[in-house]
C-alpha atoms as a PDB file:
ATOM      1  CA  MET A   1      23.581 -17.211 -41.489  1.00  0.00           C
ATOM      2  CA  TYR A   2      21.451 -15.284 -38.962  1.00  0.00           C
ATOM      3  CA  ASN A   3      22.991 -14.713 -35.581  1.00  0.00           C
ATOM      4  CA  ALA A   4      21.051 -12.586 -33.098  1.00  0.00           C
ATOM      5  CA  TYR A   5      24.235 -11.512 -31.363  1.00  0.00           C
ATOM      6  CA  THR A   6      25.984 -10.258 -34.512  1.00  0.00           C
ATOM      7  CA  GLU A   7      22.745  -8.804 -35.896  1.00  0.00           C
ATOM      8  CA  ASN A   8      22.413  -6.631 -32.803  1.00  0.00           C
ATOM      9  CA  ALA A   9      26.135  -5.944 -32.446  1.00  0.00           C
ATOM     10  CA  PRO A  10      25.824  -2.139 -32.881  1.00  0.00           C
ATOM     11  CA  PHE A  11      23.261  -2.016 -30.066  1.00  0.00           C
ATOM     12  CA  ILE A  12      25.396  -4.229 -27.836  1.00  0.00           C
ATOM     13  CA  ALA A  13      28.443  -2.057 -28.499  1.00  0.00           C
ATOM     14  CA  ARG A  14      26.438   1.088 -27.612  1.00  0.00           C
ATOM     15  CA  GLN A  15      25.081  -0.566 -24.450  1.00  0.00           C
ATOM     16  CA  ASN A  16      28.588  -1.655 -23.377  1.00  0.00           C
ATOM     17  CA  ALA A  17      30.006   1.847 -23.994  1.00  0.00           C
ATOM     18  CA  PHE A  18      27.073   3.333 -22.097  1.00  0.00           C
ATOM     19  CA  ASN A  19      27.595   0.952 -19.158  1.00  0.00           C
ATOM     20  CA  ALA A  20      31.344   1.665 -19.110  1.00  0.00           C
ATOM     21  CA  ARG A  21      30.650   5.424 -18.997  1.00  0.00           C
ATOM     22  CA  LEU A  22      28.195   4.925 -16.117  1.00  0.00           C
ATOM     23  CA  GLN A  23      30.718   2.807 -14.240  1.00  0.00           C
ATOM     24  CA  GLU A  24      33.476   5.349 -14.799  1.00  0.00           C
ATOM     25  CA  LYS A  25      31.630   8.581 -14.051  1.00  0.00           C
ATOM     26  CA  TYR A  26      28.539   7.841 -11.947  1.00  0.00           C
ATOM     27  CA  ALA A  27      29.112   4.678  -9.905  1.00  0.00           C
ATOM     28  CA  GLU A  28      31.442   6.175  -7.285  1.00  0.00           C
ATOM     29  CA  GLY A  29      29.497   6.408  -4.035  1.00  0.00           C
ATOM     30  CA  ARG A  30      26.417   4.908  -5.682  1.00  0.00           C
ATOM     31  CA  LYS A  31      25.292   1.351  -6.235  1.00  0.00           C
ATOM     32  CA  LEU A  32      25.329   0.311  -9.907  1.00  0.00           C
ATOM     33  CA  VAL A  33      23.947  -3.096 -10.839  1.00  0.00           C
ATOM     34  CA  PHE A  34      22.943  -4.703 -14.118  1.00  0.00           C
ATOM     35  CA  ASP A  35      19.716  -6.593 -14.683  1.00  0.00           C
ATOM     36  CA  SER A  36      19.302  -9.878 -16.551  1.00  0.00           C
ATOM     37  CA  ILE A  37      19.560  -8.229 -19.984  1.00  0.00           C
ATOM     38  CA  HIS A  38      22.572  -6.172 -18.897  1.00  0.00           C
ATOM     39  CA  GLU A  39      20.715  -2.867 -18.578  1.00  0.00           C
ATOM     40  CA  PRO A  40      22.022  -0.620 -15.789  1.00  0.00           C
ATOM     41  CA  VAL A  41      20.209   0.154 -12.551  1.00  0.00           C
ATOM     42  CA  LEU A  42      21.746   3.100 -10.695  1.00  0.00           C
ATOM     43  CA  TRP A  43      20.777   3.655  -7.049  1.00  0.00           C
ATOM     44  CA  VAL A  44      21.081   7.320  -6.080  1.00  0.00           C
ATOM     45  CA  ARG A  45      21.812   8.352  -2.495  1.00  0.00           C
ATOM     46  CA  ASP A  46      19.039  10.897  -1.845  1.00  0.00           C
ATOM     47  CA  GLY A  47      16.810  13.500  -3.480  1.00  0.00           C
ATOM     48  CA  LYS A  48      19.627  15.984  -4.112  1.00  0.00           C
ATOM     49  CA  ASP A  49      21.666  13.241  -5.727  1.00  0.00           C
ATOM     50  CA  LEU A  50      18.684  12.285  -7.897  1.00  0.00           C
ATOM     51  CA  LEU A  51      18.407  15.836  -9.253  1.00  0.00           C
ATOM     52  CA  LEU A  52      22.165  16.037  -9.840  1.00  0.00           C
ATOM     53  CA  VAL A  53      22.313  12.692 -11.674  1.00  0.00           C
ATOM     54  CA  VAL A  54      19.265  13.433 -13.832  1.00  0.00           C
ATOM     55  CA  LYS A  55      20.651  16.833 -14.851  1.00  0.00           C
ATOM     56  CA  MET A  56      24.054  15.322 -15.617  1.00  0.00           C
ATOM     57  CA  PHE A  57      22.459  12.527 -17.662  1.00  0.00           C
ATOM     58  CA  ARG A  58      20.691  15.109 -19.805  1.00  0.00           C
ATOM     59  CA  ILE A  59      23.855  17.076 -20.676  1.00  0.00           C
ATOM     60  CA  ASP A  60      26.452  14.284 -20.774  1.00  0.00           C
ATOM     61  CA  ASP A  61      26.821  13.470 -24.490  1.00  0.00           C
ATOM     62  CA  SER A  62      27.870   9.876 -23.830  1.00  0.00           C
ATOM     63  CA  ILE A  63      24.731   9.251 -21.725  1.00  0.00           C
ATOM     64  CA  LYS A  64      22.163  11.730 -23.067  1.00  0.00           C
ATOM     65  CA  ALA A  65      19.209  10.219 -21.168  1.00  0.00           C
ATOM     66  CA  ASP A  66      16.716  12.737 -22.499  1.00  0.00           C
ATOM     67  CA  PHE A  67      13.409  10.879 -22.234  1.00  0.00           C
ATOM     68  CA  LEU A  68      11.523   9.885 -19.071  1.00  0.00           C
ATOM     69  CA  SER A  69       9.642   6.800 -20.265  1.00  0.00           C
ATOM     70  CA  SER A  70       8.062   5.988 -16.906  1.00  0.00           C
ATOM     71  CA  LEU A  71       8.158   6.727 -13.223  1.00  0.00           C
ATOM     72  CA  THR A  72       6.723   4.470 -10.544  1.00  0.00           C
ATOM     73  CA  ALA A  73       7.354   3.157  -7.036  1.00  0.00           C
ATOM     74  CA  TYR A  74       7.009   0.015  -5.005  1.00  0.00           C
ATOM     75  CA  ASP A  75       6.389  -0.687  -1.342  1.00  0.00           C
ATOM     76  CA  ASN A  76       9.551  -2.037   0.275  1.00  0.00           C
ATOM     77  CA  VAL A  77       7.821  -3.005   3.521  1.00  0.00           C
ATOM     78  CA  ASP A  78       9.733  -6.317   3.583  1.00  0.00           C
ATOM     79  CA  LYS A  79      13.050  -4.332   3.495  1.00  0.00           C
ATOM     80  CA  VAL A  80      14.533  -6.373   0.603  1.00  0.00           C
ATOM     81  CA  ASP A  81      15.953  -3.192  -0.975  1.00  0.00           C
ATOM     82  CA  GLY A  82      17.242  -1.485   2.157  1.00  0.00           C
ATOM     83  CA  PRO A  83      15.788   0.001   5.321  1.00  0.00           C
ATOM     84  CA  LYS A  84      13.532   2.629   3.724  1.00  0.00           C
ATOM     85  CA  ARG A  85       9.832   2.012   3.113  1.00  0.00           C
ATOM     86  CA  PHE A  86       9.479   2.860  -0.594  1.00  0.00           C
ATOM     87  CA  VAL A  87      11.614   2.696  -3.712  1.00  0.00           C
ATOM     88  CA  MET A  88      11.088   5.198  -6.534  1.00  0.00           C
ATOM     89  CA  VAL A  89      11.893   3.850 -10.014  1.00  0.00           C
ATOM     90  CA  TYR A  90      12.708   6.187 -12.909  1.00  0.00           C
ATOM     91  CA  ASN A  91      13.039   4.593 -16.353  1.00  0.00           C
ATOM     92  CA  LEU A  92      15.103   6.847 -18.614  1.00  0.00           C
ATOM     93  CA  TYR A  93      15.882   6.430 -22.288  1.00  0.00           C
ATOM     94  CA  SER A  94      18.459   7.977 -24.575  1.00  0.00           C
ATOM     95  CA  THR A  95      16.972   8.868 -27.947  1.00  0.00           C
ATOM     96  CA  THR A  96      20.442   9.375 -29.408  1.00  0.00           C
ATOM     97  CA  THR A  97      22.131   6.159 -28.245  1.00  0.00           C
ATOM     98  CA  ASN A  98      18.927   4.071 -27.947  1.00  0.00           C
ATOM     99  CA  VAL A  99      19.804   2.661 -24.541  1.00  0.00           C
ATOM    100  CA  ARG A 100      17.899   2.607 -21.261  1.00  0.00           C
ATOM    101  CA  ILE A 101      18.835   3.192 -17.663  1.00  0.00           C
ATOM    102  CA  ARG A 102      16.813   2.685 -14.518  1.00  0.00           C
ATOM    103  CA  VAL A 103      17.421   5.054 -11.619  1.00  0.00           C
ATOM    104  CA  LYS A 104      16.207   4.032  -8.162  1.00  0.00           C
ATOM    105  CA  LEU A 105      15.797   6.103  -5.018  1.00  0.00           C
ATOM    106  CA  ALA A 106      14.807   4.766  -1.601  1.00  0.00           C
ATOM    107  CA  ALA A 107      12.412   6.980   0.385  1.00  0.00           C
ATOM    108  CA  ASP A 108      10.976   6.779   3.886  1.00  0.00           C
ATOM    109  CA  LEU A 109       7.299   6.949   4.783  1.00  0.00           C
ATOM    110  CA  ASP A 110       6.985  10.739   5.017  1.00  0.00           C
ATOM    111  CA  GLU A 111      10.150  11.693   3.131  1.00  0.00           C
ATOM    112  CA  ALA A 112       9.482  14.095   0.271  1.00  0.00           C
ATOM    113  CA  VAL A 113      11.080  13.206  -3.052  1.00  0.00           C
ATOM    114  CA  PRO A 114      12.040  16.143  -5.285  1.00  0.00           C
ATOM    115  CA  THR A 115       9.845  16.595  -8.327  1.00  0.00           C
ATOM    116  CA  LEU A 116      11.239  16.091 -11.820  1.00  0.00           C
ATOM    117  CA  THR A 117       8.611  18.310 -13.463  1.00  0.00           C
ATOM    118  CA  ASN A 118      11.295  20.937 -14.132  1.00  0.00           C
ATOM    119  CA  GLU A 119      13.219  18.368 -16.182  1.00  0.00           C
ATOM    120  CA  TRP A 120      10.302  16.582 -17.852  1.00  0.00           C
ATOM    121  CA  ALA A 121       6.730  17.839 -18.084  1.00  0.00           C
ATOM    122  CA  ALA A 122       5.582  14.211 -18.286  1.00  0.00           C
ATOM    123  CA  ALA A 123       6.645  13.720 -14.662  1.00  0.00           C
ATOM    124  CA  ASN A 124       3.662  15.805 -13.539  1.00  0.00           C
ATOM    125  CA  TRP A 125       0.941  13.181 -13.901  1.00  0.00           C
ATOM    126  CA  LEU A 126       3.238  10.263 -13.157  1.00  0.00           C
ATOM    127  CA  GLU A 127       4.211  11.807  -9.799  1.00  0.00           C
ATOM    128  CA  ARG A 128       0.562  12.538  -9.035  1.00  0.00           C
ATOM    129  CA  GLU A 129      -0.244   8.881  -9.672  1.00  0.00           C
ATOM    130  CA  VAL A 130       2.553   7.714  -7.336  1.00  0.00           C
ATOM    131  CA  TRP A 131       1.403  10.152  -4.643  1.00  0.00           C
ATOM    132  CA  ASP A 132      -2.214   9.055  -5.016  1.00  0.00           C
ATOM    133  CA  LEU A 133      -1.546   5.314  -4.893  1.00  0.00           C
ATOM    134  CA  PHE A 134       1.461   5.148  -2.526  1.00  0.00           C
ATOM    135  CA  GLY A 135       1.346   8.427  -0.590  1.00  0.00           C
ATOM    136  CA  ILE A 136       4.895   9.482  -1.491  1.00  0.00           C
ATOM    137  CA  PRO A 137       5.003  13.312  -1.454  1.00  0.00           C
ATOM    138  CA  PHE A 138       6.944  15.262  -4.108  1.00  0.00           C
ATOM    139  CA  SER A 139       8.504  18.537  -2.984  1.00  0.00           C
ATOM    140  CA  GLY A 140       8.109  21.362  -5.481  1.00  0.00           C
ATOM    141  CA  HIS A 141       5.362  19.652  -7.466  1.00  0.00           C
ATOM    142  CA  PRO A 142       3.066  22.247  -9.102  1.00  0.00           C
ATOM    143  CA  ASN A 143      -0.237  20.398  -8.595  1.00  0.00           C
ATOM    144  CA  LEU A 144       0.069  17.448  -6.214  1.00  0.00           C
ATOM    145  CA  ARG A 145      -3.468  16.128  -5.821  1.00  0.00           C
ATOM    146  CA  ARG A 146      -5.314  12.899  -6.476  1.00  0.00           C
ATOM    147  CA  ILE A 147      -5.465  11.755 -10.070  1.00  0.00           C
ATOM    148  CA  MET A 148      -6.926   8.238  -9.895  1.00  0.00           C
ATOM    149  CA  MET A 149      -8.832   7.922  -6.630  1.00  0.00           C
ATOM    150  CA  ASP A 150     -11.807  10.012  -5.533  1.00  0.00           C
ATOM    151  CA  GLU A 151     -10.848  13.145  -3.559  1.00  0.00           C
ATOM    152  CA  ARG A 152     -12.841  11.802  -0.591  1.00  0.00           C
ATOM    153  CA  PHE A 153     -10.912   8.523  -0.530  1.00  0.00           C
ATOM    154  CA  THR A 154      -8.719   7.979   2.527  1.00  0.00           C
ATOM    155  CA  GLY A 155      -5.456   6.087   2.332  1.00  0.00           C
ATOM    156  CA  HIS A 156      -3.268   4.898  -0.502  1.00  0.00           C
ATOM    157  CA  PRO A 157      -4.380   1.587  -2.029  1.00  0.00           C
ATOM    158  CA  LEU A 158      -1.022   0.265  -3.296  1.00  0.00           C
ATOM    159  CA  ARG A 159       0.596   0.285   0.126  1.00  0.00           C
ATOM    160  CA  LYS A 160       0.982  -3.260   1.355  1.00  0.00           C
ATOM    161  CA  GLU A 161      -0.854  -2.602   4.621  1.00  0.00           C
ATOM    162  CA  TYR A 162      -3.990  -1.472   2.772  1.00  0.00           C
ATOM    163  CA  PRO A 163      -6.675  -4.206   3.023  1.00  0.00           C
ATOM    164  CA  ILE A 164      -7.150  -5.685  -0.450  1.00  0.00           C
ATOM    165  CA  LYS A 165     -10.935  -6.038  -0.125  1.00  0.00           C
ATOM    166  CA  GLN A 166     -11.597  -2.747   1.643  1.00  0.00           C
ATOM    167  CA  ARG A 167     -14.273  -0.646   0.021  1.00  0.00           C
ATOM    168  CA  GLU A 168     -15.039   2.946   0.864  1.00  0.00           C
ATOM    169  CA  PRO A 169     -18.663   3.846   0.140  1.00  0.00           C
ATOM    170  CA  PHE A 170     -19.445   7.547   0.015  1.00  0.00           C
ATOM    171  CA  ALA A 171     -22.807   8.640   1.467  1.00  0.00           C
ATOM    172  CA  ASP A 172     -23.151  11.545  -0.935  1.00  0.00           C
ATOM    173  CA  ASN A 173     -22.744   9.499  -4.134  1.00  0.00           C
ATOM    174  CA  ILE A 174     -25.146  10.358  -6.929  1.00  0.00           C
ATOM    175  CA  PRO A 175     -27.196   7.358  -8.100  1.00  0.00           C
ATOM    176  CA  PHE A 176     -25.807   6.218 -11.426  1.00  0.00           C
ATOM    177  CA  HIS A 177     -27.353   3.866 -13.951  1.00  0.00           C
ATOM    178  CA  LEU A 178     -25.695   2.490 -17.043  1.00  0.00           C
ATOM    179  CA  GLY A 179     -27.806   2.102 -20.160  1.00  0.00           C
ATOM    180  CA  ALA A 180     -31.527   2.815 -20.270  1.00  0.00           C
ATOM    181  CA  GLN A 181     -33.305   4.822 -17.622  1.00  0.00           C
ATOM    182  CA  PRO A 182     -34.866   2.625 -14.934  1.00  0.00           C
ATOM    183  CA  LEU A 183     -38.630   2.306 -14.939  1.00  0.00           C
ATOM    184  CA  PRO A 184     -40.537   4.378 -12.391  1.00  0.00           C
ATOM    185  CA  LYS A 185     -41.745   2.378  -9.377  1.00  0.00           C
ATOM    186  CA  SER A 186     -45.402   2.666 -10.498  1.00  0.00           C
ATOM    187  CA  GLU A 187     -44.676   0.880 -13.825  1.00  0.00           C
ATOM    188  CA  LYS A 188     -42.730  -2.070 -12.351  1.00  0.00           C
END
C-alpha cells in the first residue's frame, strides 16, 4: 500500500537530521524557525554573521549547503519582520543531502550587505537585480550596476513607496517600431 510518508522516509530522516544539526550548531544567538513544510529559516544577525554562516554551511559535512538556488529581498516597510526596512532572502540547497535552507538577513535603507560573489559566482547577477529593483547596496560587489532597468531610470520600482503607475519617459529615446517599416508621410 502506498503511503507518502513512508515513501519519502529517507528524505524526512535527512531533513530531521539536518534540522537537528542546525538547531545544535547554528541556532545559538540566531532565530531559527521552520516553515509549513518543516524547512528551516535561519535569521542571521548582520552581514559578518551572514558570511560566517555561509562559509560554515559550505564546509560542514552535515549541512553542506553548496548551491545558491536564489537570492532575493522584500520590502519590510510595515515592520512585520523587525525594525529594519528590507529583508534579504538566500535560498541554499545541499546537493549531497538534498535538503534546503533559507537564510534571512534584515538590512536598513542604506546599509550595505556583503556580497556573496566570492562564494558563488551566481550571486553576481542576482545581487545586481536586488540592487536595481530595491536599492540595497552590496559591499565588495565586482560590478554593481543596473541589470533590469534603464541606466537613466531613477528610483527602485519594487520599493513599496514607489508609485505603481509611475512612468518615466526619456526625452532621448530612439523611435522604435515593431514589424514592418512605417509608411512615409507622403504615401499615407
